[in-house]
Amino acid sequence: MSQQLINIFYQSHIGSWAILVLLFFVSYFLVKGGIRKGGKIVHMILRLFYIIQIVSGVGLLMAYQFPAAFIIKGIIAIVMIYAMEMILVRTQKGTMEKGGLYWAILLISLVLVILLGFEVISF
């Protein structure tokens, strides 16, 4: 894989993490504030960023020949996306009985993904 392609994957991956988290909170607060249509639009854009993250992450995994730390980071990132989706969908439906659990999963997985991504945690 060429260095230019690796750089494209890297820049799209690293650049869209902050946007992903920002869009999640915007969508959450729109839905929570009763602006359902705006929240749904932002939620759809958020799902597009999920796809960008997953595709660029798989591209980086292939380029770096599947190191164990990044495989674990990818699995934790999928769990984080799951928690984001559950929080948003259950907030839209008004069924947040396990809301604290999903928020805990989201925060723990977000911290772990950031620490693994910046290689603060490595093995």
PDB file of N, CA and C in Angstrom:
ATOM      1  N   MET A   1       0.852  -1.171   0.000  1.00  0.00           N
ATOM      2  CA  MET A   1       0.000   0.000   0.000  1.00  0.00           C
ATOM      3  C   MET A   1       0.898   1.234   0.000  1.00  0.00           C
ATOM      4  N   SER A   2       0.575   2.201  -0.834  1.00  0.00           N
ATOM      5  CA  SER A   2       1.425   3.379  -0.966  1.00  0.00           C
ATOM      6  C   SER A   2       1.323   4.278   0.272  1.00  0.00           C
ATOM      7  N   GLN A   3       2.373   5.033   0.476  1.00  0.00           N
ATOM      8  CA  GLN A   3       2.409   5.943   1.620  1.00  0.00           C
ATOM      9  C   GLN A   3       1.337   7.020   1.495  1.00  0.00           C
ATOM     10  N   GLN A   4       1.035   7.424   0.272  1.00  0.00           N
ATOM     11  CA  GLN A   4       0.002   8.439   0.062  1.00  0.00           C
ATOM     12  C   GLN A   4      -1.377   7.915   0.473  1.00  0.00           C
ATOM     13  N   LEU A   5      -1.679   6.667   0.148  1.00  0.00           N
ATOM     14  CA  LEU A   5      -2.960   6.076   0.531  1.00  0.00           C
ATOM     15  C   LEU A   5      -3.052   5.906   2.048  1.00  0.00           C
ATOM     16  N   ILE A   6      -1.947   5.486   2.661  1.00  0.00           N
ATOM     17  CA  ILE A   6      -1.920   5.365   4.121  1.00  0.00           C
ATOM     18  C   ILE A   6      -2.175   6.729   4.761  1.00  0.00           C
ATOM     19  N   ASN A   7      -1.570   7.778   4.196  1.00  0.00           N
ATOM     20  CA  ASN A   7      -1.766   9.127   4.724  1.00  0.00           C
ATOM     21  C   ASN A   7      -3.219   9.576   4.574  1.00  0.00           C
ATOM     22  N   ILE A   8      -3.862   9.218   3.469  1.00  0.00           N
ATOM     23  CA  ILE A   8      -5.277   9.561   3.272  1.00  0.00           C
ATOM     24  C   ILE A   8      -6.129   8.875   4.332  1.00  0.00           C
ATOM     25  N   PHE A   9      -5.891   7.574   4.545  1.00  0.00           N
ATOM     26  CA  PHE A   9      -6.633   6.854   5.581  1.00  0.00           C
ATOM     27  C   PHE A   9      -6.395   7.480   6.955  1.00  0.00           C
ATOM     28  N   TYR A  10      -5.140   7.789   7.242  1.00  0.00           N
ATOM     29  CA  TYR A  10      -4.786   8.343   8.550  1.00  0.00           C
ATOM     30  C   TYR A  10      -5.459   9.696   8.777  1.00  0.00           C
ATOM     31  N   GLN A  11      -5.356  10.593   7.797  1.00  0.00           N
ATOM     32  CA  GLN A  11      -5.924  11.931   7.959  1.00  0.00           C
ATOM     33  C   GLN A  11      -7.444  11.896   8.068  1.00  0.00           C
ATOM     34  N   SER A  12      -8.085  11.044   7.277  1.00  0.00           N
ATOM     35  CA  SER A  12      -9.547  10.963   7.372  1.00  0.00           C
ATOM     36  C   SER A  12      -9.968  10.330   8.696  1.00  0.00           C
ATOM     37  N   HIS A  13      -9.181   9.389   9.196  1.00  0.00           N
ATOM     38  CA  HIS A  13      -9.511   8.721  10.454  1.00  0.00           C
ATOM     39  C   HIS A  13      -9.327   9.664  11.644  1.00  0.00           C
ATOM     40  N   ILE A  14      -8.175  10.270  11.730  1.00  0.00           N
ATOM     41  CA  ILE A  14      -7.877  11.130  12.875  1.00  0.00           C
ATOM     42  C   ILE A  14      -8.705  12.412  12.828  1.00  0.00           C
ATOM     43  N   GLY A  15      -8.960  12.919  11.634  1.00  0.00           N
ATOM     44  CA  GLY A  15      -9.692  14.171  11.505  1.00  0.00           C
ATOM     45  C   GLY A  15     -11.166  14.064  11.817  1.00  0.00           C
ATOM     46  N   SER A  16     -11.724  12.878  11.660  1.00  0.00           N
ATOM     47  CA  SER A  16     -13.167  12.763  11.853  1.00  0.00           C
ATOM     48  C   SER A  16     -13.559  12.299  13.254  1.00  0.00           C
ATOM     49  N   TRP A  17     -12.598  11.976  14.123  1.00  0.00           N
ATOM     50  CA  TRP A  17     -12.963  11.557  15.486  1.00  0.00           C
ATOM     51  C   TRP A  17     -13.618  12.687  16.266  1.00  0.00           C
ATOM     52  N   ALA A  18     -13.030  13.860  16.206  1.00  0.00           N
ATOM     53  CA  ALA A  18     -13.614  14.988  16.943  1.00  0.00           C
ATOM     54  C   ALA A  18     -14.986  15.339  16.384  1.00  0.00           C
ATOM     55  N   ILE A  19     -15.127  15.278  15.068  1.00  0.00           N
ATOM     56  CA  ILE A  19     -16.420  15.558  14.443  1.00  0.00           C
ATOM     57  C   ILE A  19     -17.441  14.518  14.872  1.00  0.00           C
ATOM     58  N   LEU A  20     -17.024  13.264  14.969  1.00  0.00           N
ATOM     59  CA  LEU A  20     -17.917  12.180  15.379  1.00  0.00           C
ATOM     60  C   LEU A  20     -18.475  12.434  16.781  1.00  0.00           C
ATOM     61  N   VAL A  21     -17.622  12.757  17.711  1.00  0.00           N
ATOM     62  CA  VAL A  21     -18.058  13.008  19.090  1.00  0.00           C
ATOM     63  C   VAL A  21     -18.930  14.266  19.150  1.00  0.00           C
ATOM     64  N   LEU A  22     -18.540  15.302  18.424  1.00  0.00           N
ATOM     65  CA  LEU A  22     -19.323  16.533  18.399  1.00  0.00           C
ATOM     66  C   LEU A  22     -20.722  16.287  17.828  1.00  0.00           C
ATOM     67  N   LEU A  23     -20.813  15.559  16.719  1.00  0.00           N
ATOM     68  CA  LEU A  23     -22.115  15.261  16.119  1.00  0.00           C
ATOM     69  C   LEU A  23     -22.985  14.425  17.051  1.00  0.00           C
ATOM     70  N   PHE A  24     -22.360  13.516  17.791  1.00  0.00           N
ATOM     71  CA  PHE A  24     -23.129  12.720  18.744  1.00  0.00           C
ATOM     72  C   PHE A  24     -23.802  13.620  19.774  1.00  0.00           C
ATOM     73  N   PHE A  25     -23.030  14.527  20.373  1.00  0.00           N
ATOM     74  CA  PHE A  25     -23.601  15.392  21.402  1.00  0.00           C
ATOM     75  C   PHE A  25     -24.622  16.371  20.828  1.00  0.00           C
ATOM     76  N   VAL A  26     -24.379  16.880  19.620  1.00  0.00           N
ATOM     77  CA  VAL A  26     -25.363  17.762  18.985  1.00  0.00           C
ATOM     78  C   VAL A  26     -26.667  17.009  18.764  1.00  0.00           C
ATOM     79  N   SER A  27     -26.580  15.804  18.229  1.00  0.00           N
ATOM     80  CA  SER A  27     -27.781  15.001  17.989  1.00  0.00           C
ATOM     81  C   SER A  27     -28.495  14.683  19.295  1.00  0.00           C
ATOM     82  N   TYR A  28     -27.741  14.309  20.314  1.00  0.00           N
ATOM     83  CA  TYR A  28     -28.340  13.974  21.604  1.00  0.00           C
ATOM     84  C   TYR A  28     -29.102  15.162  22.189  1.00  0.00           C
ATOM     85  N   PHE A  29     -28.467  16.331  22.196  1.00  0.00           N
ATOM     86  CA  PHE A  29     -29.119  17.491  22.798  1.00  0.00           C
ATOM     87  C   PHE A  29     -30.278  18.014  21.952  1.00  0.00           C
ATOM     88  N   LEU A  30     -30.216  17.831  20.640  1.00  0.00           N
ATOM     89  CA  LEU A  30     -31.364  18.200  19.809  1.00  0.00           C
ATOM     90  C   LEU A  30     -32.567  17.320  20.129  1.00  0.00           C
ATOM     91  N   VAL A  31     -32.333  16.014  20.215  1.00  0.00           N
ATOM     92  CA  VAL A  31     -33.429  15.091  20.530  1.00  0.00           C
ATOM     93  C   VAL A  31     -33.935  15.352  21.939  1.00  0.00           C
ATOM     94  N   LYS A  32     -33.023  15.523  22.873  1.00  0.00           N
ATOM     95  CA  LYS A  32     -33.398  15.770  24.268  1.00  0.00           C
ATOM     96  C   LYS A  32     -34.172  17.082  24.404  1.00  0.00           C
ATOM     97  N   GLY A  33     -33.840  18.065  23.562  1.00  0.00           N
ATOM     98  CA  GLY A  33     -34.519  19.352  23.604  1.00  0.00           C
ATOM     99  C   GLY A  33     -35.832  19.382  22.846  1.00  0.00           C
ATOM    100  N   GLY A  34     -36.217  18.260  22.251  1.00  0.00           N
ATOM    101  CA  GLY A  34     -37.498  18.193  21.564  1.00  0.00           C
ATOM    102  C   GLY A  34     -37.456  18.556  20.093  1.00  0.00           C
ATOM    103  N   ILE A  35     -36.268  18.798  19.552  1.00  0.00           N
ATOM    104  CA  ILE A  35     -36.133  19.118  18.129  1.00  0.00           C
ATOM    105  C   ILE A  35     -35.820  17.813  17.392  1.00  0.00           C
ATOM    106  N   ARG A  36     -36.834  16.991  17.229  1.00  0.00           N
ATOM    107  CA  ARG A  36     -36.661  15.636  16.712  1.00  0.00           C
ATOM    108  C   ARG A  36     -36.153  15.608  15.273  1.00  0.00           C
ATOM    109  N   LYS A  37     -36.696  16.460  14.416  1.00  0.00           N
ATOM    110  CA  LYS A  37     -36.303  16.422  13.008  1.00  0.00           C
ATOM    111  C   LYS A  37     -34.825  16.793  12.844  1.00  0.00           C
ATOM    112  N   GLY A  38     -34.394  17.842  13.524  1.00  0.00           N
ATOM    113  CA  GLY A  38     -32.986  18.231  13.473  1.00  0.00           C
ATOM    114  C   GLY A  38     -32.083  17.157  14.052  1.00  0.00           C
ATOM    115  N   GLY A  39     -32.540  16.541  15.149  1.00  0.00           N
ATOM    116  CA  GLY A  39     -31.768  15.462  15.755  1.00  0.00           C
ATOM    117  C   GLY A  39     -31.629  14.271  14.835  1.00  0.00           C
ATOM    118  N   LYS A  40     -32.689  13.968  14.089  1.00  0.00           N
ATOM    119  CA  LYS A  40     -32.655  12.832  13.166  1.00  0.00           C
ATOM    120  C   LYS A  40     -31.707  13.105  11.993  1.00  0.00           C
ATOM    121  N   ILE A  41     -31.707  14.341  11.497  1.00  0.00           N
ATOM    122  CA  ILE A  41     -30.800  14.703  10.402  1.00  0.00           C
ATOM    123  C   ILE A  41     -29.348  14.585  10.856  1.00  0.00           C
ATOM    124  N   VAL A  42     -29.043  15.135  12.023  1.00  0.00           N
ATOM    125  CA  VAL A  42     -27.669  15.055  12.542  1.00  0.00           C
ATOM    126  C   VAL A  42     -27.298  13.603  12.824  1.00  0.00           C
ATOM    127  N   HIS A  43     -28.262  12.805  13.282  1.00  0.00           N
ATOM    128  CA  HIS A  43     -28.020  11.387  13.539  1.00  0.00           C
ATOM    129  C   HIS A  43     -27.639  10.665  12.248  1.00  0.00           C
ATOM    130  N   MET A  44     -28.282  10.985  11.142  1.00  0.00           N
ATOM    131  CA  MET A  44     -27.943  10.372   9.853  1.00  0.00           C
ATOM    132  C   MET A  44     -26.539  10.780   9.403  1.00  0.00           C
ATOM    133  N   ILE A  45     -26.183  12.040   9.611  1.00  0.00           N
ATOM    134  CA  ILE A  45     -24.827  12.490   9.283  1.00  0.00           C
ATOM    135  C   ILE A  45     -23.818  11.769  10.173  1.00  0.00           C
ATOM    136  N   LEU A  46     -24.168  11.575  11.437  1.00  0.00           N
ATOM    137  CA  LEU A  46     -23.313  10.839  12.371  1.00  0.00           C
ATOM    138  C   LEU A  46     -23.071   9.422  11.871  1.00  0.00           C
ATOM    139  N   ARG A  47     -24.104   8.779  11.352  1.00  0.00           N
ATOM    140  CA  ARG A  47     -23.952   7.425  10.816  1.00  0.00           C
ATOM    141  C   ARG A  47     -23.009   7.396   9.620  1.00  0.00           C
ATOM    142  N   LEU A  48     -23.005   8.446   8.810  1.00  0.00           N
ATOM    143  CA  LEU A  48     -22.046   8.543   7.715  1.00  0.00           C
ATOM    144  C   LEU A  48     -20.621   8.585   8.264  1.00  0.00           C
ATOM    145  N   PHE A  49     -20.427   9.322   9.350  1.00  0.00           N
ATOM    146  CA  PHE A  49     -19.099   9.386   9.958  1.00  0.00           C
ATOM    147  C   PHE A  49     -18.698   8.056  10.591  1.00  0.00           C
ATOM    148  N   TYR A  50     -19.662   7.278  11.079  1.00  0.00           N
ATOM    149  CA  TYR A  50     -19.343   5.924  11.542  1.00  0.00           C
ATOM    150  C   TYR A  50     -18.709   5.133  10.407  1.00  0.00           C
ATOM    151  N   ILE A  51     -19.313   5.213   9.233  1.00  0.00           N
ATOM    152  CA  ILE A  51     -18.810   4.463   8.078  1.00  0.00           C
ATOM    153  C   ILE A  51     -17.416   4.942   7.692  1.00  0.00           C
ATOM    154  N   ILE A  52     -17.212   6.264   7.688  1.00  0.00           N
ATOM    155  CA  ILE A  52     -15.889   6.806   7.375  1.00  0.00           C
ATOM    156  C   ILE A  52     -14.860   6.282   8.371  1.00  0.00           C
ATOM    157  N   GLN A  53     -15.202   6.282   9.657  1.00  0.00           N
ATOM    158  CA  GLN A  53     -14.290   5.794  10.692  1.00  0.00           C
ATOM    159  C   GLN A  53     -13.962   4.318  10.490  1.00  0.00           C
ATOM    160  N   ILE A  54     -14.972   3.515  10.236  1.00  0.00           N
ATOM    161  CA  ILE A  54     -14.748   2.075  10.102  1.00  0.00           C
ATOM    162  C   ILE A  54     -13.914   1.769   8.864  1.00  0.00           C
ATOM    163  N   VAL A  55     -14.236   2.387   7.729  1.00  0.00           N
ATOM    164  CA  VAL A  55     -13.492   2.123   6.491  1.00  0.00           C
ATOM    165  C   VAL A  55     -12.047   2.590   6.617  1.00  0.00           C
ATOM    166  N   SER A  56     -11.833   3.791   7.141  1.00  0.00           N
ATOM    167  CA  SER A  56     -10.458   4.274   7.283  1.00  0.00           C
ATOM    168  C   SER A  56      -9.697   3.465   8.331  1.00  0.00           C
ATOM    169  N   GLY A  57     -10.384   3.014   9.381  1.00  0.00           N
ATOM    170  CA  GLY A  57      -9.730   2.174  10.390  1.00  0.00           C
ATOM    171  C   GLY A  57      -9.307   0.830   9.835  1.00  0.00           C
ATOM    172  N   VAL A  58     -10.165   0.209   9.041  1.00  0.00           N
ATOM    173  CA  VAL A  58      -9.804  -1.071   8.414  1.00  0.00           C
ATOM    174  C   VAL A  58      -8.656  -0.862   7.433  1.00  0.00           C
ATOM    175  N   GLY A  59      -8.679   0.250   6.701  1.00  0.00           N
ATOM    176  CA  GLY A  59      -7.570   0.553   5.794  1.00  0.00           C
ATOM    177  C   GLY A  59      -6.251   0.703   6.529  1.00  0.00           C
ATOM    178  N   LEU A  60      -6.283   1.373   7.677  1.00  0.00           N
ATOM    179  CA  LEU A  60      -5.063   1.519   8.474  1.00  0.00           C
ATOM    180  C   LEU A  60      -4.610   0.187   9.056  1.00  0.00           C
ATOM    181  N   LEU A  61      -5.568  -0.638   9.488  1.00  0.00           N
ATOM    182  CA  LEU A  61      -5.209  -1.970   9.991  1.00  0.00           C
ATOM    183  C   LEU A  61      -4.489  -2.773   8.914  1.00  0.00           C
ATOM    184  N   MET A  62      -4.997  -2.715   7.694  1.00  0.00           N
ATOM    185  CA  MET A  62      -4.353  -3.447   6.600  1.00  0.00           C
ATOM    186  C   MET A  62      -2.971  -2.873   6.300  1.00  0.00           C
ATOM    187  N   ALA A  63      -2.848  -1.555   6.330  1.00  0.00           N
ATOM    188  CA  ALA A  63      -1.569  -0.917   6.026  1.00  0.00           C
ATOM    189  C   ALA A  63      -0.514  -1.236   7.075  1.00  0.00           C
ATOM    190  N   TYR A  64      -0.925  -1.295   8.345  1.00  0.00           N
ATOM    191  CA  TYR A  64       0.016  -1.566   9.429  1.00  0.00           C
ATOM    192  C   TYR A  64       0.112  -3.049   9.766  1.00  0.00           C
ATOM    193  N   GLN A  65      -0.489  -3.898   8.959  1.00  0.00           N
ATOM    194  CA  GLN A  65      -0.403  -5.360   9.067  1.00  0.00           C
ATOM    195  C   GLN A  65      -0.976  -5.889  10.378  1.00  0.00           C
ATOM    196  N   PHE A  66      -2.100  -5.362  10.788  1.00  0.00           N
ATOM    197  CA  PHE A  66      -2.919  -5.863  11.887  1.00  0.00           C
ATOM    198  C   PHE A  66      -2.192  -6.006  13.227  1.00  0.00           C
ATOM    199  N   PRO A  67      -1.626  -4.928  13.775  1.00  0.00           N
ATOM    200  CA  PRO A  67      -1.039  -5.036  15.119  1.00  0.00           C
ATOM    201  C   PRO A  67      -2.141  -5.239  16.165  1.00  0.00           C
ATOM    202  N   ALA A  68      -1.825  -5.999  17.195  1.00  0.00           N
ATOM    203  CA  ALA A  68      -2.820  -6.390  18.204  1.00  0.00           C
ATOM    204  C   ALA A  68      -3.451  -5.185  18.897  1.00  0.00           C
ATOM    205  N   ALA A  69      -2.658  -4.173  19.206  1.00  0.00           N
ATOM    206  CA  ALA A  69      -3.198  -3.000  19.909  1.00  0.00           C
ATOM    207  C   ALA A  69      -4.264  -2.301  19.071  1.00  0.00           C
ATOM    208  N   PHE A  70      -4.046  -2.228  17.775  1.00  0.00           N
ATOM    209  CA  PHE A  70      -5.020  -1.552  16.919  1.00  0.00           C
ATOM    210  C   PHE A  70      -6.245  -2.415  16.655  1.00  0.00           C
ATOM    211  N   ILE A  71      -6.086  -3.719  16.677  1.00  0.00           N
ATOM    212  CA  ILE A  71      -7.254  -4.604  16.563  1.00  0.00           C
ATOM    213  C   ILE A  71      -8.145  -4.422  17.791  1.00  0.00           C
ATOM    214  N   ILE A  72      -7.529  -4.383  18.968  1.00  0.00           N
ATOM    215  CA  ILE A  72      -8.291  -4.166  20.204  1.00  0.00           C
ATOM    216  C   ILE A  72      -8.939  -2.785  20.185  1.00  0.00           C
ATOM    217  N   LYS A  73      -8.209  -1.784  19.700  1.00  0.00           N
ATOM    218  CA  LYS A  73      -8.773  -0.436  19.589  1.00  0.00           C
ATOM    219  C   LYS A  73      -9.989  -0.443  18.677  1.00  0.00           C
ATOM    220  N   GLY A  74      -9.913  -1.164  17.577  1.00  0.00           N
ATOM    221  CA  GLY A  74     -11.044  -1.253  16.653  1.00  0.00           C
ATOM    222  C   GLY A  74     -12.256  -1.903  17.284  1.00  0.00           C
ATOM    223  N   ILE A  75     -12.028  -2.959  18.050  1.00  0.00           N
ATOM    224  CA  ILE A  75     -13.143  -3.639  18.727  1.00  0.00           C
ATOM    225  C   ILE A  75     -13.787  -2.704  19.751  1.00  0.00           C
ATOM    226  N   ILE A  76     -12.958  -1.996  20.508  1.00  0.00           N
ATOM    227  CA  ILE A  76     -13.490  -1.054  21.499  1.00  0.00           C
ATOM    228  C   ILE A  76     -14.225   0.091  20.800  1.00  0.00           C
ATOM    229  N   ALA A  77     -13.726   0.525  19.644  1.00  0.00           N
ATOM    230  CA  ALA A  77     -14.403   1.588  18.893  1.00  0.00           C
ATOM    231  C   ALA A  77     -15.776   1.132  18.403  1.00  0.00           C
ATOM    232  N   ILE A  78     -15.898  -0.131  18.000  1.00  0.00           N
ATOM    233  CA  ILE A  78     -17.203  -0.670  17.594  1.00  0.00           C
ATOM    234  C   ILE A  78     -18.155  -0.672  18.795  1.00  0.00           C
ATOM    235  N   VAL A  79     -17.643  -1.027  19.972  1.00  0.00           N
ATOM    236  CA  VAL A  79     -18.465  -0.988  21.191  1.00  0.00           C
ATOM    237  C   VAL A  79     -18.900   0.452  21.481  1.00  0.00           C
ATOM    238  N   MET A  80     -18.004   1.404  21.254  1.00  0.00           N
ATOM    239  CA  MET A  80     -18.337   2.805  21.466  1.00  0.00           C
ATOM    240  C   MET A  80     -19.442   3.258  20.508  1.00  0.00           C
ATOM    241  N   ILE A  81     -19.353   2.860  19.257  1.00  0.00           N
ATOM    242  CA  ILE A  81     -20.390   3.194  18.282  1.00  0.00           C
ATOM    243  C   ILE A  81     -21.717   2.570  18.698  1.00  0.00           C
ATOM    244  N   TYR A  82     -21.677   1.338  19.192  1.00  0.00           N
ATOM    245  CA  TYR A  82     -22.886   0.676  19.690  1.00  0.00           C
ATOM    246  C   TYR A  82     -23.523   1.494  20.815  1.00  0.00           C
ATOM    247  N   ALA A  83     -22.699   1.951  21.759  1.00  0.00           N
ATOM    248  CA  ALA A  83     -23.227   2.732  22.884  1.00  0.00           C
ATOM    249  C   ALA A  83     -23.825   4.049  22.399  1.00  0.00           C
ATOM    250  N   MET A  84     -23.168   4.704  21.449  1.00  0.00           N
ATOM    251  CA  MET A  84     -23.703   5.947  20.896  1.00  0.00           C
ATOM    252  C   MET A  84     -25.067   5.714  20.254  1.00  0.00           C
ATOM    253  N   GLU A  85     -25.162   4.662  19.457  1.00  0.00           N
ATOM    254  CA  GLU A  85     -26.430   4.357  18.786  1.00  0.00           C
ATOM    255  C   GLU A  85     -27.525   4.040  19.795  1.00  0.00           C
ATOM    256  N   MET A  86     -27.204   3.249  20.807  1.00  0.00           N
ATOM    257  CA  MET A  86     -28.215   2.888  21.800  1.00  0.00           C
ATOM    258  C   MET A  86     -28.702   4.120  22.563  1.00  0.00           C
ATOM    259  N   ILE A  87     -27.786   5.011  22.906  1.00  0.00           N
ATOM    260  CA  ILE A  87     -28.180   6.229  23.615  1.00  0.00           C
ATOM    261  C   ILE A  87     -29.099   7.077  22.743  1.00  0.00           C
ATOM    262  N   LEU A  88     -28.718   7.276  21.491  1.00  0.00           N
ATOM    263  CA  LEU A  88     -29.529   8.132  20.621  1.00  0.00           C
ATOM    264  C   LEU A  88     -30.887   7.521  20.303  1.00  0.00           C
ATOM    265  N   VAL A  89     -30.908   6.243  19.947  1.00  0.00           N
ATOM    266  CA  VAL A  89     -32.173   5.602  19.571  1.00  0.00           C
ATOM    267  C   VAL A  89     -33.104   5.510  20.769  1.00  0.00           C
ATOM    268  N   ARG A  90     -32.577   5.126  21.916  1.00  0.00           N
ATOM    269  CA  ARG A  90     -33.435   5.010  23.104  1.00  0.00           C
ATOM    270  C   ARG A  90     -33.885   6.379  23.611  1.00  0.00           C
ATOM    271  N   THR A  91     -33.087   7.402  23.411  1.00  0.00           N
ATOM    272  CA  THR A  91     -33.528   8.744  23.781  1.00  0.00           C
ATOM    273  C   THR A  91     -34.663   9.186  22.857  1.00  0.00           C
ATOM    274  N   GLN A  92     -34.541   8.876  21.566  1.00  0.00           N
ATOM    275  CA  GLN A  92     -35.610   9.223  20.622  1.00  0.00           C
ATOM    276  C   GLN A  92     -36.905   8.498  20.960  1.00  0.00           C
ATOM    277  N   LYS A  93     -36.800   7.240  21.358  1.00  0.00           N
ATOM    278  CA  LYS A  93     -37.990   6.451  21.677  1.00  0.00           C
ATOM    279  C   LYS A  93     -38.497   6.697  23.097  1.00  0.00           C
ATOM    280  N   GLY A  94     -37.681   7.320  23.934  1.00  0.00           N
ATOM    281  CA  GLY A  94     -38.079   7.571  25.312  1.00  0.00           C
ATOM    282  C   GLY A  94     -37.968   6.354  26.207  1.00  0.00           C
ATOM    283  N   THR A  95     -37.085   5.417  25.867  1.00  0.00           N
ATOM    284  CA  THR A  95     -36.923   4.183  26.655  1.00  0.00           C
ATOM    285  C   THR A  95     -35.495   4.083  27.180  1.00  0.00           C
ATOM    286  N   MET A  96     -35.104   4.994  28.042  1.00  0.00           N
ATOM    287  CA  MET A  96     -33.728   5.007  28.556  1.00  0.00           C
ATOM    288  C   MET A  96     -33.636   4.413  29.955  1.00  0.00           C
ATOM    289  N   GLU A  97     -34.194   3.209  30.159  1.00  0.00           N
ATOM    290  CA  GLU A  97     -34.090   2.585  31.481  1.00  0.00           C
ATOM    291  C   GLU A  97     -32.640   2.268  31.829  1.00  0.00           C
ATOM    292  N   LYS A  98     -31.878   1.818  30.842  1.00  0.00           N
ATOM    293  CA  LYS A  98     -30.472   1.466  31.070  1.00  0.00           C
ATOM    294  C   LYS A  98     -29.545   2.586  30.596  1.00  0.00           C
ATOM    295  N   GLY A  99     -29.997   3.807  30.679  1.00  0.00           N
ATOM    296  CA  GLY A  99     -29.226   4.931  30.175  1.00  0.00           C
ATOM    297  C   GLY A  99     -27.875   5.087  30.835  1.00  0.00           C
ATOM    298  N   GLY A 100     -27.825   4.893  32.144  1.00  0.00           N
ATOM    299  CA  GLY A 100     -26.559   5.016  32.859  1.00  0.00           C
ATOM    300  C   GLY A 100     -25.534   4.000  32.402  1.00  0.00           C
ATOM    301  N   LEU A 101     -25.995   2.795  32.118  1.00  0.00           N
ATOM    302  CA  LEU A 101     -25.098   1.745  31.630  1.00  0.00           C
ATOM    303  C   LEU A 101     -24.507   2.122  30.278  1.00  0.00           C
ATOM    304  N   TYR A 102     -25.350   2.609  29.364  1.00  0.00           N
ATOM    305  CA  TYR A 102     -24.856   2.985  28.036  1.00  0.00           C
ATOM    306  C   TYR A 102     -23.917   4.184  28.094  1.00  0.00           C
ATOM    307  N   TRP A 103     -24.212   5.142  28.962  1.00  0.00           N
ATOM    308  CA  TRP A 103     -23.311   6.274  29.125  1.00  0.00           C
ATOM    309  C   TRP A 103     -21.962   5.821  29.694  1.00  0.00           C
ATOM    310  N   ALA A 104     -21.984   4.897  30.643  1.00  0.00           N
ATOM    311  CA  ALA A 104     -20.729   4.381  31.209  1.00  0.00           C
ATOM    312  C   ALA A 104     -19.920   3.648  30.142  1.00  0.00           C
ATOM    313  N   ILE A 105     -20.596   2.814  29.347  1.00  0.00           N
ATOM    314  CA  ILE A 105     -19.908   2.103  28.261  1.00  0.00           C
ATOM    315  C   ILE A 105     -19.302   3.104  27.289  1.00  0.00           C
ATOM    316  N   LEU A 106     -20.066   4.140  26.947  1.00  0.00           N
ATOM    317  CA  LEU A 106     -19.572   5.154  26.011  1.00  0.00           C
ATOM    318  C   LEU A 106     -18.346   5.869  26.557  1.00  0.00           C
ATOM    319  N   LEU A 107     -18.405   6.331  27.785  1.00  0.00           N
ATOM    320  CA  LEU A 107     -17.285   7.091  28.345  1.00  0.00           C
ATOM    321  C   LEU A 107     -16.037   6.234  28.515  1.00  0.00           C
ATOM    322  N   ILE A 108     -16.210   5.012  29.012  1.00  0.00           N
ATOM    323  CA  ILE A 108     -15.055   4.124  29.191  1.00  0.00           C
ATOM    324  C   ILE A 108     -14.436   3.773  27.848  1.00  0.00           C
ATOM    325  N   SER A 109     -15.268   3.429  26.875  1.00  0.00           N
ATOM    326  CA  SER A 109     -14.730   3.054  25.566  1.00  0.00           C
ATOM    327  C   SER A 109     -14.100   4.255  24.865  1.00  0.00           C
ATOM    328  N   LEU A 110     -14.669   5.442  25.024  1.00  0.00           N
ATOM    329  CA  LEU A 110     -14.080   6.636  24.412  1.00  0.00           C
ATOM    330  C   LEU A 110     -12.696   6.919  24.986  1.00  0.00           C
ATOM    331  N   VAL A 111     -12.567   6.833  26.300  1.00  0.00           N
ATOM    332  CA  VAL A 111     -11.263   7.059  26.937  1.00  0.00           C
ATOM    333  C   VAL A 111     -10.252   6.012  26.471  1.00  0.00           C
ATOM    334  N   LEU A 112     -10.666   4.741  26.430  1.00  0.00           N
ATOM    335  CA  LEU A 112      -9.751   3.685  25.994  1.00  0.00           C
ATOM    336  C   LEU A 112      -9.327   3.862  24.540  1.00  0.00           C
ATOM    337  N   VAL A 113     -10.263   4.227  23.671  1.00  0.00           N
ATOM    338  CA  VAL A 113      -9.929   4.425  22.258  1.00  0.00           C
ATOM    339  C   VAL A 113      -8.939   5.575  22.102  1.00  0.00           C
ATOM    340  N   ILE A 114      -9.156   6.653  22.826  1.00  0.00           N
ATOM    341  CA  ILE A 114      -8.235   7.791  22.739  1.00  0.00           C
ATOM    342  C   ILE A 114      -6.854   7.406  23.258  1.00  0.00           C
ATOM    343  N   LEU A 115      -6.808   6.721  24.400  1.00  0.00           N
ATOM    344  CA  LEU A 115      -5.511   6.332  24.965  1.00  0.00           C
ATOM    345  C   LEU A 115      -4.784   5.330  24.074  1.00  0.00           C
ATOM    346  N   LEU A 116      -5.503   4.392  23.481  1.00  0.00           N
ATOM    347  CA  LEU A 116      -4.876   3.446  22.556  1.00  0.00           C
ATOM    348  C   LEU A 116      -4.455   4.134  21.258  1.00  0.00           C
ATOM    349  N   GLY A 117      -5.271   5.071  20.788  1.00  0.00           N
ATOM    350  CA  GLY A 117      -4.961   5.771  19.543  1.00  0.00           C
ATOM    351  C   GLY A 117      -3.711   6.626  19.639  1.00  0.00           C
ATOM    352  N   PHE A 118      -3.530   7.287  20.770  1.00  0.00           N
ATOM    353  CA  PHE A 118      -2.339   8.109  20.966  1.00  0.00           C
ATOM    354  C   PHE A 118      -1.195   7.322  21.599  1.00  0.00           C
ATOM    355  N   GLU A 119      -1.361   6.021  21.689  1.00  0.00           N
ATOM    356  CA  GLU A 119      -0.360   5.082  22.203  1.00  0.00           C
ATOM    357  C   GLU A 119       0.081   5.408  23.622  1.00  0.00           C
ATOM    358  N   VAL A 120      -0.829   5.961  24.428  1.00  0.00           N
ATOM    359  CA  VAL A 120      -0.566   6.128  25.856  1.00  0.00           C
ATOM    360  C   VAL A 120      -0.610   4.750  26.504  1.00  0.00           C
ATOM    361  N   ILE A 121      -1.556   3.930  26.052  1.00  0.00           N
ATOM    362  CA  ILE A 121      -1.619   2.521  26.439  1.00  0.00           C
ATOM    363  C   ILE A 121      -1.112   1.724  25.249  1.00  0.00           C
ATOM    364  N   SER A 122      -0.118   0.904  25.468  1.00  0.00           N
ATOM    365  CA  SER A 122       0.387   0.061  24.377  1.00  0.00           C
ATOM    366  C   SER A 122       0.872  -1.256  24.956  1.00  0.00           C
ATOM    367  N   PHE A 123       0.868  -2.256  24.112  1.00  0.00           N
ATOM    368  CA  PHE A 123       1.350  -3.578  24.522  1.00  0.00           C
ATOM    369  C   PHE A 123       1.844  -4.331  23.326  1.00  0.00           C
TER     370      PHE A 123
END
